[in-house]
Amino acid sequence: MVEKALHTRLHADAVEAYDALHAAVPDDLLRALAEAGVRDWRIWRSGRDVFHLVDVDDYAAMREHLREHPANVAWQARVTPLQSTPDDYSGDGDGLPPVWSFAAQRDGRAGPG
């Protein structure tokens, strides 16, 4: 399992619409995410900045699965206009680089992971 932190930014007038859209994510998208190995996807928002933490079996495989999936294509058509930093699924979407980990330091492991 991999945890991937992501950041997106909303257009100034899109905050309420973004929150409303996520009040009830469509069931077909939930199924597609589960099929792609997603265990959890948490989202926090601070103003226009949106932070995601994705727990997934294989992040690159998830992106490949979702790239053309009809449920995700429909979802992206709704959410992308709200974002000033949309994801076109053309790359592997590395996410935010890790900086520090309490557990890694506590356990004497090298690096933040």
PDB file of N, CA and C in Angstrom:
ATOM      1  N   MET A   1       0.846  -1.179   0.000  1.00  0.00           N
ATOM      2  CA  MET A   1       0.000   0.000   0.000  1.00  0.00           C
ATOM      3  C   MET A   1       0.889   1.239   0.000  1.00  0.00           C
ATOM      4  N   VAL A   2       0.413   2.263  -0.683  1.00  0.00           N
ATOM      5  CA  VAL A   2       1.124   3.521  -0.811  1.00  0.00           C
ATOM      6  C   VAL A   2       0.210   4.640  -0.329  1.00  0.00           C
ATOM      7  N   GLU A   3       0.779   5.610   0.352  1.00  0.00           N
ATOM      8  CA  GLU A   3       0.059   6.842   0.662  1.00  0.00           C
ATOM      9  C   GLU A   3       0.630   7.918  -0.239  1.00  0.00           C
ATOM     10  N   LYS A   4      -0.236   8.639  -0.915  1.00  0.00           N
ATOM     11  CA  LYS A   4       0.190   9.693  -1.826  1.00  0.00           C
ATOM     12  C   LYS A   4      -0.514  10.971  -1.439  1.00  0.00           C
ATOM     13  N   ALA A   5       0.265  12.019  -1.182  1.00  0.00           N
ATOM     14  CA  ALA A   5      -0.301  13.329  -0.863  1.00  0.00           C
ATOM     15  C   ALA A   5      -0.346  14.165  -2.136  1.00  0.00           C
ATOM     16  N   LEU A   6      -1.478  14.804  -2.363  1.00  0.00           N
ATOM     17  CA  LEU A   6      -1.681  15.613  -3.566  1.00  0.00           C
ATOM     18  C   LEU A   6      -2.161  16.999  -3.176  1.00  0.00           C
ATOM     19  N   HIS A   7      -1.960  17.952  -4.072  1.00  0.00           N
ATOM     20  CA  HIS A   7      -2.422  19.320  -3.859  1.00  0.00           C
ATOM     21  C   HIS A   7      -3.089  19.803  -5.135  1.00  0.00           C
ATOM     22  N   THR A   8      -4.250  20.386  -4.995  1.00  0.00           N
ATOM     23  CA  THR A   8      -4.905  21.079  -6.100  1.00  0.00           C
ATOM     24  C   THR A   8      -5.328  22.452  -5.597  1.00  0.00           C
ATOM     25  N   ARG A   9      -5.644  23.323  -6.518  1.00  0.00           N
ATOM     26  CA  ARG A   9      -6.066  24.683  -6.156  1.00  0.00           C
ATOM     27  C   ARG A   9      -7.327  24.997  -6.942  1.00  0.00           C
ATOM     28  N   LEU A  10      -8.272  25.615  -6.262  1.00  0.00           N
ATOM     29  CA  LEU A  10      -9.555  25.945  -6.861  1.00  0.00           C
ATOM     30  C   LEU A  10      -9.552  27.372  -7.401  1.00  0.00           C
ATOM     31  N   HIS A  11     -10.423  27.608  -8.365  1.00  0.00           N
ATOM     32  CA  HIS A  11     -10.693  28.975  -8.792  1.00  0.00           C
ATOM     33  C   HIS A  11     -11.352  29.709  -7.625  1.00  0.00           C
ATOM     34  N   ALA A  12     -11.162  31.006  -7.560  1.00  0.00           N
ATOM     35  CA  ALA A  12     -11.649  31.800  -6.423  1.00  0.00           C
ATOM     36  C   ALA A  12     -13.144  31.654  -6.195  1.00  0.00           C
ATOM     37  N   ASP A  13     -13.908  31.502  -7.248  1.00  0.00           N
ATOM     38  CA  ASP A  13     -15.368  31.430  -7.113  1.00  0.00           C
ATOM     39  C   ASP A  13     -15.901  29.996  -7.052  1.00  0.00           C
ATOM     40  N   ALA A  14     -15.016  29.016  -6.854  1.00  0.00           N
ATOM     41  CA  ALA A  14     -15.426  27.611  -6.956  1.00  0.00           C
ATOM     42  C   ALA A  14     -15.450  26.860  -5.631  1.00  0.00           C
ATOM     43  N   VAL A  15     -15.124  27.518  -4.533  1.00  0.00           N
ATOM     44  CA  VAL A  15     -14.990  26.825  -3.254  1.00  0.00           C
ATOM     45  C   VAL A  15     -16.299  26.152  -2.829  1.00  0.00           C
ATOM     46  N   GLU A  16     -17.385  26.885  -2.839  1.00  0.00           N
ATOM     47  CA  GLU A  16     -18.665  26.312  -2.412  1.00  0.00           C
ATOM     48  C   GLU A  16     -19.111  25.191  -3.345  1.00  0.00           C
ATOM     49  N   ALA A  17     -18.921  25.373  -4.633  1.00  0.00           N
ATOM     50  CA  ALA A  17     -19.309  24.341  -5.599  1.00  0.00           C
ATOM     51  C   ALA A  17     -18.482  23.073  -5.401  1.00  0.00           C
ATOM     52  N   TYR A  18     -17.199  23.228  -5.095  1.00  0.00           N
ATOM     53  CA  TYR A  18     -16.326  22.081  -4.868  1.00  0.00           C
ATOM     54  C   TYR A  18     -16.797  21.289  -3.648  1.00  0.00           C
ATOM     55  N   ASP A  19     -17.067  22.003  -2.565  1.00  0.00           N
ATOM     56  CA  ASP A  19     -17.550  21.334  -1.355  1.00  0.00           C
ATOM     57  C   ASP A  19     -18.882  20.636  -1.610  1.00  0.00           C
ATOM     58  N   ALA A  20     -19.780  21.298  -2.315  1.00  0.00           N
ATOM     59  CA  ALA A  20     -21.090  20.714  -2.610  1.00  0.00           C
ATOM     60  C   ALA A  20     -20.946  19.469  -3.484  1.00  0.00           C
ATOM     61  N   LEU A  21     -20.054  19.527  -4.450  1.00  0.00           N
ATOM     62  CA  LEU A  21     -19.835  18.385  -5.337  1.00  0.00           C
ATOM     63  C   LEU A  21     -19.357  17.164  -4.559  1.00  0.00           C
ATOM     64  N   HIS A  22     -18.534  17.395  -3.552  1.00  0.00           N
ATOM     65  CA  HIS A  22     -17.996  16.285  -2.765  1.00  0.00           C
ATOM     66  C   HIS A  22     -18.904  15.843  -1.622  1.00  0.00           C
ATOM     67  N   ALA A  23     -20.026  16.491  -1.459  1.00  0.00           N
ATOM     68  CA  ALA A  23     -20.978  16.078  -0.422  1.00  0.00           C
ATOM     69  C   ALA A  23     -21.522  14.685  -0.713  1.00  0.00           C
ATOM     70  N   ALA A  24     -21.572  14.317  -1.981  1.00  0.00           N
ATOM     71  CA  ALA A  24     -22.067  12.995  -2.375  1.00  0.00           C
ATOM     72  C   ALA A  24     -21.386  12.582  -3.681  1.00  0.00           C
ATOM     73  N   VAL A  25     -20.233  11.935  -3.552  1.00  0.00           N
ATOM     74  CA  VAL A  25     -19.520  11.436  -4.721  1.00  0.00           C
ATOM     75  C   VAL A  25     -20.333  10.278  -5.312  1.00  0.00           C
ATOM     76  N   PRO A  26     -20.500  10.231  -6.629  1.00  0.00           N
ATOM     77  CA  PRO A  26     -21.327   9.185  -7.248  1.00  0.00           C
ATOM     78  C   PRO A  26     -20.857   7.759  -6.936  1.00  0.00           C
ATOM     79  N   ASP A  27     -21.807   6.875  -6.754  1.00  0.00           N
ATOM     80  CA  ASP A  27     -21.503   5.482  -6.429  1.00  0.00           C
ATOM     81  C   ASP A  27     -20.644   4.806  -7.491  1.00  0.00           C
ATOM     82  N   ASP A  28     -20.872   5.127  -8.784  1.00  0.00           N
ATOM     83  CA  ASP A  28     -20.064   4.483  -9.825  1.00  0.00           C
ATOM     84  C   ASP A  28     -18.601   4.907  -9.728  1.00  0.00           C
ATOM     85  N   LEU A  29     -18.347   6.128  -9.265  1.00  0.00           N
ATOM     86  CA  LEU A  29     -16.967   6.552  -9.062  1.00  0.00           C
ATOM     87  C   LEU A  29     -16.360   5.853  -7.845  1.00  0.00           C
ATOM     88  N   LEU A  30     -17.140   5.699  -6.786  1.00  0.00           N
ATOM     89  CA  LEU A  30     -16.648   4.953  -5.623  1.00  0.00           C
ATOM     90  C   LEU A  30     -16.259   3.530  -6.015  1.00  0.00           C
ATOM     91  N   ARG A  31     -17.080   2.889  -6.843  1.00  0.00           N
ATOM     92  CA  ARG A  31     -16.770   1.529  -7.300  1.00  0.00           C
ATOM     93  C   ARG A  31     -15.491   1.527  -8.140  1.00  0.00           C
ATOM     94  N   ALA A  32     -15.342   2.522  -9.028  1.00  0.00           N
ATOM     95  CA  ALA A  32     -14.149   2.602  -9.878  1.00  0.00           C
ATOM     96  C   ALA A  32     -12.890   2.796  -9.032  1.00  0.00           C
ATOM     97  N   LEU A  33     -12.988   3.632  -8.006  1.00  0.00           N
ATOM     98  CA  LEU A  33     -11.849   3.853  -7.120  1.00  0.00           C
ATOM     99  C   LEU A  33     -11.481   2.559  -6.384  1.00  0.00           C
ATOM    100  N   ALA A  34     -12.477   1.861  -5.884  1.00  0.00           N
ATOM    101  CA  ALA A  34     -12.229   0.594  -5.191  1.00  0.00           C
ATOM    102  C   ALA A  34     -11.597  -0.430  -6.138  1.00  0.00           C
ATOM    103  N   GLU A  35     -12.118  -0.519  -7.361  1.00  0.00           N
ATOM    104  CA  GLU A  35     -11.563  -1.432  -8.372  1.00  0.00           C
ATOM    105  C   GLU A  35     -10.109  -1.094  -8.667  1.00  0.00           C
ATOM    106  N   ALA A  36      -9.755   0.175  -8.553  1.00  0.00           N
ATOM    107  CA  ALA A  36      -8.397   0.633  -8.845  1.00  0.00           C
ATOM    108  C   ALA A  36      -7.466   0.463  -7.648  1.00  0.00           C
ATOM    109  N   GLY A  37      -7.967  -0.103  -6.552  1.00  0.00           N
ATOM    110  CA  GLY A  37      -7.128  -0.379  -5.402  1.00  0.00           C
ATOM    111  C   GLY A  37      -7.096   0.718  -4.349  1.00  0.00           C
ATOM    112  N   VAL A  38      -8.007   1.696  -4.452  1.00  0.00           N
ATOM    113  CA  VAL A  38      -8.047   2.763  -3.454  1.00  0.00           C
ATOM    114  C   VAL A  38      -8.689   2.229  -2.181  1.00  0.00           C
ATOM    115  N   ARG A  39      -7.994   2.417  -1.071  1.00  0.00           N
ATOM    116  CA  ARG A  39      -8.511   2.013   0.235  1.00  0.00           C
ATOM    117  C   ARG A  39      -9.180   3.183   0.932  1.00  0.00           C
ATOM    118  N   ASP A  40      -8.620   4.382   0.718  1.00  0.00           N
ATOM    119  CA  ASP A  40      -9.203   5.600   1.283  1.00  0.00           C
ATOM    120  C   ASP A  40      -8.677   6.784   0.496  1.00  0.00           C
ATOM    121  N   TRP A  41      -9.467   7.839   0.452  1.00  0.00           N
ATOM    122  CA  TRP A  41      -9.062   9.089  -0.206  1.00  0.00           C
ATOM    123  C   TRP A  41      -9.657  10.194   0.647  1.00  0.00           C
ATOM    124  N   ARG A  42      -8.805  10.875   1.373  1.00  0.00           N
ATOM    125  CA  ARG A  42      -9.264  11.948   2.262  1.00  0.00           C
ATOM    126  C   ARG A  42      -8.886  13.293   1.668  1.00  0.00           C
ATOM    127  N   ILE A  43      -9.765  14.269   1.863  1.00  0.00           N
ATOM    128  CA  ILE A  43      -9.556  15.602   1.305  1.00  0.00           C
ATOM    129  C   ILE A  43      -9.734  16.639   2.404  1.00  0.00           C
ATOM    130  N   TRP A  44      -8.798  17.587   2.450  1.00  0.00           N
ATOM    131  CA  TRP A  44      -8.891  18.750   3.327  1.00  0.00           C
ATOM    132  C   TRP A  44      -8.780  19.987   2.446  1.00  0.00           C
ATOM    133  N   ARG A  45      -9.428  21.051   2.864  1.00  0.00           N
ATOM    134  CA  ARG A  45      -9.356  22.296   2.110  1.00  0.00           C
ATOM    135  C   ARG A  45      -9.030  23.439   3.051  1.00  0.00           C
ATOM    136  N   SER A  46      -8.114  24.302   2.633  1.00  0.00           N
ATOM    137  CA  SER A  46      -7.792  25.536   3.335  1.00  0.00           C
ATOM    138  C   SER A  46      -7.926  26.655   2.319  1.00  0.00           C
ATOM    139  N   GLY A  47      -9.026  27.394   2.406  1.00  0.00           N
ATOM    140  CA  GLY A  47      -9.285  28.406   1.391  1.00  0.00           C
ATOM    141  C   GLY A  47      -9.444  27.729   0.036  1.00  0.00           C
ATOM    142  N   ARG A  48      -8.649  28.145  -0.914  1.00  0.00           N
ATOM    143  CA  ARG A  48      -8.702  27.577  -2.273  1.00  0.00           C
ATOM    144  C   ARG A  48      -7.765  26.393  -2.455  1.00  0.00           C
ATOM    145  N   ASP A  49      -6.910  26.125  -1.471  1.00  0.00           N
ATOM    146  CA  ASP A  49      -5.957  25.019  -1.560  1.00  0.00           C
ATOM    147  C   ASP A  49      -6.586  23.735  -1.039  1.00  0.00           C
ATOM    148  N   VAL A  50      -6.504  22.688  -1.834  1.00  0.00           N
ATOM    149  CA  VAL A  50      -7.105  21.399  -1.513  1.00  0.00           C
ATOM    150  C   VAL A  50      -5.987  20.364  -1.402  1.00  0.00           C
ATOM    151  N   PHE A  51      -5.999  19.635  -0.293  1.00  0.00           N
ATOM    152  CA  PHE A  51      -4.985  18.622  -0.036  1.00  0.00           C
ATOM    153  C   PHE A  51      -5.664  17.260   0.055  1.00  0.00           C
ATOM    154  N   HIS A  52      -5.064  16.289  -0.609  1.00  0.00           N
ATOM    155  CA  HIS A  52      -5.613  14.942  -0.690  1.00  0.00           C
ATOM    156  C   HIS A  52      -4.596  13.977  -0.103  1.00  0.00           C
ATOM    157  N   LEU A  53      -5.062  12.954   0.587  1.00  0.00           N
ATOM    158  CA  LEU A  53      -4.218  11.850   0.998  1.00  0.00           C
ATOM    159  C   LEU A  53      -4.882  10.579   0.483  1.00  0.00           C
ATOM    160  N   VAL A  54      -4.194   9.920  -0.440  1.00  0.00           N
ATOM    161  CA  VAL A  54      -4.734   8.732  -1.100  1.00  0.00           C
ATOM    162  C   VAL A  54      -3.996   7.505  -0.578  1.00  0.00           C
ATOM    163  N   ASP A  55      -4.736   6.548  -0.031  1.00  0.00           N
ATOM    164  CA  ASP A  55      -4.202   5.245   0.362  1.00  0.00           C
ATOM    165  C   ASP A  55      -4.596   4.265  -0.736  1.00  0.00           C
ATOM    166  N   VAL A  56      -3.600   3.734  -1.440  1.00  0.00           N
ATOM    167  CA  VAL A  56      -3.880   2.918  -2.618  1.00  0.00           C
ATOM    168  C   VAL A  56      -2.828   1.820  -2.747  1.00  0.00           C
ATOM    169  N   ASP A  57      -3.232   0.708  -3.346  1.00  0.00           N
ATOM    170  CA  ASP A  57      -2.301  -0.406  -3.547  1.00  0.00           C
ATOM    171  C   ASP A  57      -1.142  -0.009  -4.456  1.00  0.00           C
ATOM    172  N   ASP A  58      -1.450   0.593  -5.602  1.00  0.00           N
ATOM    173  CA  ASP A  58      -0.441   0.966  -6.602  1.00  0.00           C
ATOM    174  C   ASP A  58      -0.926   2.254  -7.269  1.00  0.00           C
ATOM    175  N   TYR A  59      -0.281   3.365  -6.962  1.00  0.00           N
ATOM    176  CA  TYR A  59      -0.760   4.672  -7.430  1.00  0.00           C
ATOM    177  C   TYR A  59      -0.729   4.784  -8.954  1.00  0.00           C
ATOM    178  N   ALA A  60       0.358   4.345  -9.578  1.00  0.00           N
ATOM    179  CA  ALA A  60       0.454   4.420 -11.040  1.00  0.00           C
ATOM    180  C   ALA A  60      -0.624   3.561 -11.698  1.00  0.00           C
ATOM    181  N   ALA A  61      -0.863   2.373 -11.165  1.00  0.00           N
ATOM    182  CA  ALA A  61      -1.905   1.495 -11.715  1.00  0.00           C
ATOM    183  C   ALA A  61      -3.290   2.108 -11.517  1.00  0.00           C
ATOM    184  N   MET A  62      -3.507   2.774 -10.383  1.00  0.00           N
ATOM    185  CA  MET A  62      -4.783   3.446 -10.147  1.00  0.00           C
ATOM    186  C   MET A  62      -5.024   4.508 -11.203  1.00  0.00           C
ATOM    187  N   ARG A  63      -4.008   5.324 -11.459  1.00  0.00           N
ATOM    188  CA  ARG A  63      -4.162   6.387 -12.463  1.00  0.00           C
ATOM    189  C   ARG A  63      -4.451   5.800 -13.842  1.00  0.00           C
ATOM    190  N   GLU A  64      -3.772   4.726 -14.182  1.00  0.00           N
ATOM    191  CA  GLU A  64      -4.004   4.089 -15.483  1.00  0.00           C
ATOM    192  C   GLU A  64      -5.430   3.550 -15.568  1.00  0.00           C
ATOM    193  N   HIS A  65      -5.908   2.937 -14.488  1.00  0.00           N
ATOM    194  CA  HIS A  65      -7.268   2.397 -14.451  1.00  0.00           C
ATOM    195  C   HIS A  65      -8.310   3.505 -14.618  1.00  0.00           C
ATOM    196  N   LEU A  66      -8.069   4.635 -13.959  1.00  0.00           N
ATOM    197  CA  LEU A  66      -9.049   5.724 -13.966  1.00  0.00           C
ATOM    198  C   LEU A  66      -8.981   6.615 -15.198  1.00  0.00           C
ATOM    199  N   ARG A  67      -7.834   6.631 -15.883  1.00  0.00           N
ATOM    200  CA  ARG A  67      -7.624   7.551 -17.001  1.00  0.00           C
ATOM    201  C   ARG A  67      -8.793   7.575 -17.992  1.00  0.00           C
ATOM    202  N   GLU A  68      -9.283   6.433 -18.405  1.00  0.00           N
ATOM    203  CA  GLU A  68     -10.365   6.348 -19.394  1.00  0.00           C
ATOM    204  C   GLU A  68     -11.653   5.766 -18.816  1.00  0.00           C
ATOM    205  N   HIS A  69     -11.688   5.529 -17.512  1.00  0.00           N
ATOM    206  CA  HIS A  69     -12.871   4.919 -16.898  1.00  0.00           C
ATOM    207  C   HIS A  69     -14.057   5.889 -17.015  1.00  0.00           C
ATOM    208  N   PRO A  70     -15.195   5.426 -17.526  1.00  0.00           N
ATOM    209  CA  PRO A  70     -16.335   6.322 -17.734  1.00  0.00           C
ATOM    210  C   PRO A  70     -16.782   7.088 -16.490  1.00  0.00           C
ATOM    211  N   ALA A  71     -16.737   6.451 -15.328  1.00  0.00           N
ATOM    212  CA  ALA A  71     -17.151   7.144 -14.103  1.00  0.00           C
ATOM    213  C   ALA A  71     -16.192   8.282 -13.775  1.00  0.00           C
ATOM    214  N   ASN A  72     -14.900   8.052 -13.968  1.00  0.00           N
ATOM    215  CA  ASN A  72     -13.920   9.093 -13.688  1.00  0.00           C
ATOM    216  C   ASN A  72     -13.958  10.192 -14.747  1.00  0.00           C
ATOM    217  N   VAL A  73     -14.133   9.822 -15.992  1.00  0.00           N
ATOM    218  CA  VAL A  73     -14.235  10.831 -17.054  1.00  0.00           C
ATOM    219  C   VAL A  73     -15.415  11.763 -16.768  1.00  0.00           C
ATOM    220  N   ALA A  74     -16.543  11.201 -16.363  1.00  0.00           N
ATOM    221  CA  ALA A  74     -17.720  12.018 -16.027  1.00  0.00           C
ATOM    222  C   ALA A  74     -17.434  12.896 -14.808  1.00  0.00           C
ATOM    223  N   TRP A  75     -16.761  12.341 -13.798  1.00  0.00           N
ATOM    224  CA  TRP A  75     -16.426  13.111 -12.598  1.00  0.00           C
ATOM    225  C   TRP A  75     -15.475  14.260 -12.947  1.00  0.00           C
ATOM    226  N   GLN A  76     -14.453  13.963 -13.727  1.00  0.00           N
ATOM    227  CA  GLN A  76     -13.491  14.999 -14.103  1.00  0.00           C
ATOM    228  C   GLN A  76     -14.156  16.124 -14.896  1.00  0.00           C
ATOM    229  N   ALA A  77     -15.169  15.787 -15.686  1.00  0.00           N
ATOM    230  CA  ALA A  77     -15.898  16.818 -16.427  1.00  0.00           C
ATOM    231  C   ALA A  77     -16.611  17.781 -15.476  1.00  0.00           C
ATOM    232  N   ARG A  78     -16.954  17.312 -14.300  1.00  0.00           N
ATOM    233  CA  ARG A  78     -17.632  18.152 -13.303  1.00  0.00           C
ATOM    234  C   ARG A  78     -16.642  18.900 -12.413  1.00  0.00           C
ATOM    235  N   VAL A  79     -15.549  18.237 -12.010  1.00  0.00           N
ATOM    236  CA  VAL A  79     -14.638  18.835 -11.031  1.00  0.00           C
ATOM    237  C   VAL A  79     -13.548  19.692 -11.682  1.00  0.00           C
ATOM    238  N   THR A  80     -13.087  19.327 -12.856  1.00  0.00           N
ATOM    239  CA  THR A  80     -11.983  20.049 -13.497  1.00  0.00           C
ATOM    240  C   THR A  80     -12.272  21.537 -13.708  1.00  0.00           C
ATOM    241  N   PRO A  81     -13.479  21.932 -14.116  1.00  0.00           N
ATOM    242  CA  PRO A  81     -13.727  23.367 -14.287  1.00  0.00           C
ATOM    243  C   PRO A  81     -13.595  24.180 -12.990  1.00  0.00           C
ATOM    244  N   LEU A  82     -13.644  23.522 -11.851  1.00  0.00           N
ATOM    245  CA  LEU A  82     -13.525  24.207 -10.573  1.00  0.00           C
ATOM    246  C   LEU A  82     -12.068  24.429 -10.163  1.00  0.00           C
ATOM    247  N   GLN A  83     -11.152  23.712 -10.797  1.00  0.00           N
ATOM    248  CA  GLN A  83      -9.749  23.716 -10.385  1.00  0.00           C
ATOM    249  C   GLN A  83      -8.899  24.623 -11.268  1.00  0.00           C
ATOM    250  N   SER A  84      -7.997  25.339 -10.617  1.00  0.00           N
ATOM    251  CA  SER A  84      -7.030  26.112 -11.389  1.00  0.00           C
ATOM    252  C   SER A  84      -5.793  25.271 -11.702  1.00  0.00           C
ATOM    253  N   THR A  85      -5.706  24.083 -11.101  1.00  0.00           N
ATOM    254  CA  THR A  85      -4.619  23.143 -11.383  1.00  0.00           C
ATOM    255  C   THR A  85      -5.217  21.774 -11.708  1.00  0.00           C
ATOM    256  N   PRO A  86      -5.860  21.639 -12.873  1.00  0.00           N
ATOM    257  CA  PRO A  86      -6.491  20.356 -13.213  1.00  0.00           C
ATOM    258  C   PRO A  86      -5.461  19.272 -13.515  1.00  0.00           C
ATOM    259  N   ASP A  87      -5.890  18.028 -13.391  1.00  0.00           N
ATOM    260  CA  ASP A  87      -5.068  16.861 -13.685  1.00  0.00           C
ATOM    261  C   ASP A  87      -5.571  16.252 -14.985  1.00  0.00           C
ATOM    262  N   ASP A  88      -4.705  16.193 -15.982  1.00  0.00           N
ATOM    263  CA  ASP A  88      -5.128  15.619 -17.257  1.00  0.00           C
ATOM    264  C   ASP A  88      -4.761  14.141 -17.386  1.00  0.00           C
ATOM    265  N   TYR A  89      -4.225  13.539 -16.329  1.00  0.00           N
ATOM    266  CA  TYR A  89      -3.865  12.121 -16.279  1.00  0.00           C
ATOM    267  C   TYR A  89      -2.803  11.744 -17.306  1.00  0.00           C
ATOM    268  N   SER A  90      -2.040  12.717 -17.795  1.00  0.00           N
ATOM    269  CA  SER A  90      -1.030  12.412 -18.803  1.00  0.00           C
ATOM    270  C   SER A  90       0.266  11.879 -18.190  1.00  0.00           C
ATOM    271  N   GLY A  91       0.526  12.174 -16.931  1.00  0.00           N
ATOM    272  CA  GLY A  91       1.746  11.694 -16.279  1.00  0.00           C
ATOM    273  C   GLY A  91       1.422  10.737 -15.157  1.00  0.00           C
ATOM    274  N   ASP A  92       2.437  10.422 -14.365  1.00  0.00           N
ATOM    275  CA  ASP A  92       2.198   9.497 -13.267  1.00  0.00           C
ATOM    276  C   ASP A  92       1.721  10.201 -12.010  1.00  0.00           C
ATOM    277  N   GLY A  93       1.675  11.536 -12.029  1.00  0.00           N
ATOM    278  CA  GLY A  93       1.132  12.281 -10.897  1.00  0.00           C
ATOM    279  C   GLY A  93       1.862  11.997  -9.612  1.00  0.00           C
ATOM    280  N   ASP A  94       3.134  12.299  -9.573  1.00  0.00           N
ATOM    281  CA  ASP A  94       3.968  11.954  -8.419  1.00  0.00           C
ATOM    282  C   ASP A  94       3.446  12.460  -7.088  1.00  0.00           C
ATOM    283  N   GLY A  95       2.707  13.535  -7.079  1.00  0.00           N
ATOM    284  CA  GLY A  95       2.195  14.065  -5.835  1.00  0.00           C
ATOM    285  C   GLY A  95       3.227  14.936  -5.131  1.00  0.00           C
ATOM    286  N   LEU A  96       2.940  15.259  -3.885  1.00  0.00           N
ATOM    287  CA  LEU A  96       3.816  16.112  -3.100  1.00  0.00           C
ATOM    288  C   LEU A  96       5.011  15.313  -2.590  1.00  0.00           C
ATOM    289  N   PRO A  97       6.214  15.896  -2.631  1.00  0.00           N
ATOM    290  CA  PRO A  97       7.376  15.163  -2.127  1.00  0.00           C
ATOM    291  C   PRO A  97       7.351  15.105  -0.600  1.00  0.00           C
ATOM    292  N   PRO A  98       7.613  13.944  -0.023  1.00  0.00           N
ATOM    293  CA  PRO A  98       7.621  13.835   1.430  1.00  0.00           C
ATOM    294  C   PRO A  98       8.810  14.591   2.019  1.00  0.00           C
ATOM    295  N   VAL A  99       8.621  15.166   3.195  1.00  0.00           N
ATOM    296  CA  VAL A  99       9.663  15.943   3.861  1.00  0.00           C
ATOM    297  C   VAL A  99      10.107  15.277   5.160  1.00  0.00           C
ATOM    298  N   TRP A 100       9.165  14.849   5.988  1.00  0.00           N
ATOM    299  CA  TRP A 100       9.506  14.302   7.299  1.00  0.00           C
ATOM    300  C   TRP A 100       8.425  13.326   7.731  1.00  0.00           C
ATOM    301  N   SER A 101       8.820  12.328   8.481  1.00  0.00           N
ATOM    302  CA  SER A 101       7.888  11.364   9.048  1.00  0.00           C
ATOM    303  C   SER A 101       8.249  11.102  10.505  1.00  0.00           C
ATOM    304  N   PHE A 102       7.311  11.310  11.376  1.00  0.00           N
ATOM    305  CA  PHE A 102       7.489  10.979  12.794  1.00  0.00           C
ATOM    306  C   PHE A 102       7.886   9.519  12.946  1.00  0.00           C
ATOM    307  N   ALA A 103       7.119   8.613  12.320  1.00  0.00           N
ATOM    308  CA  ALA A 103       7.365   7.179  12.474  1.00  0.00           C
ATOM    309  C   ALA A 103       8.740   6.786  11.948  1.00  0.00           C
ATOM    310  N   ALA A 104       9.142   7.349  10.807  1.00  0.00           N
ATOM    311  CA  ALA A 104      10.453   7.008  10.253  1.00  0.00           C
ATOM    312  C   ALA A 104      11.566   7.445  11.192  1.00  0.00           C
ATOM    313  N   GLN A 105      11.452   8.655  11.718  1.00  0.00           N
ATOM    314  CA  GLN A 105      12.488   9.121  12.638  1.00  0.00           C
ATOM    315  C   GLN A 105      12.477   8.320  13.934  1.00  0.00           C
ATOM    316  N   ARG A 106      11.301   8.085  14.466  1.00  0.00           N
ATOM    317  CA  ARG A 106      11.177   7.320  15.704  1.00  0.00           C
ATOM    318  C   ARG A 106      11.768   5.919  15.562  1.00  0.00           C
ATOM    319  N   ASP A 107      11.552   5.295  14.387  1.00  0.00           N
ATOM    320  CA  ASP A 107      11.991   3.922  14.169  1.00  0.00           C
ATOM    321  C   ASP A 107      13.413   3.826  13.593  1.00  0.00           C
ATOM    322  N   GLY A 108      14.068   4.987  13.403  1.00  0.00           N
ATOM    323  CA  GLY A 108      15.421   4.986  12.901  1.00  0.00           C
ATOM    324  C   GLY A 108      15.538   4.662  11.430  1.00  0.00           C
ATOM    325  N   ARG A 109      14.451   4.809  10.695  1.00  0.00           N
ATOM    326  CA  ARG A 109      14.485   4.569   9.253  1.00  0.00           C
ATOM    327  C   ARG A 109      14.958   5.833   8.546  1.00  0.00           C
ATOM    328  N   ALA A 110      15.654   5.657   7.449  1.00  0.00           N
ATOM    329  CA  ALA A 110      16.111   6.796   6.658  1.00  0.00           C
ATOM    330  C   ALA A 110      14.946   7.377   5.863  1.00  0.00           C
ATOM    331  N   GLY A 111      14.933   8.662   5.705  1.00  0.00           N
ATOM    332  CA  GLY A 111      13.937   9.325   4.868  1.00  0.00           C
ATOM    333  C   GLY A 111      12.600   9.466   5.527  1.00  0.00           C
ATOM    334  N   PRO A 112      11.720  10.204   4.865  1.00  0.00           N
ATOM    335  CA  PRO A 112      10.405  10.519   5.431  1.00  0.00           C
ATOM    336  C   PRO A 112       9.378   9.413   5.307  1.00  0.00           C
ATOM    337  N   GLY A 113       9.609   8.406   4.485  1.00  0.00           N
ATOM    338  CA  GLY A 113       8.600   7.397   4.255  1.00  0.00           C
ATOM    339  C   GLY A 113       8.646   6.320   5.240  1.00  0.00           C
TER     340      GLY A 113
END
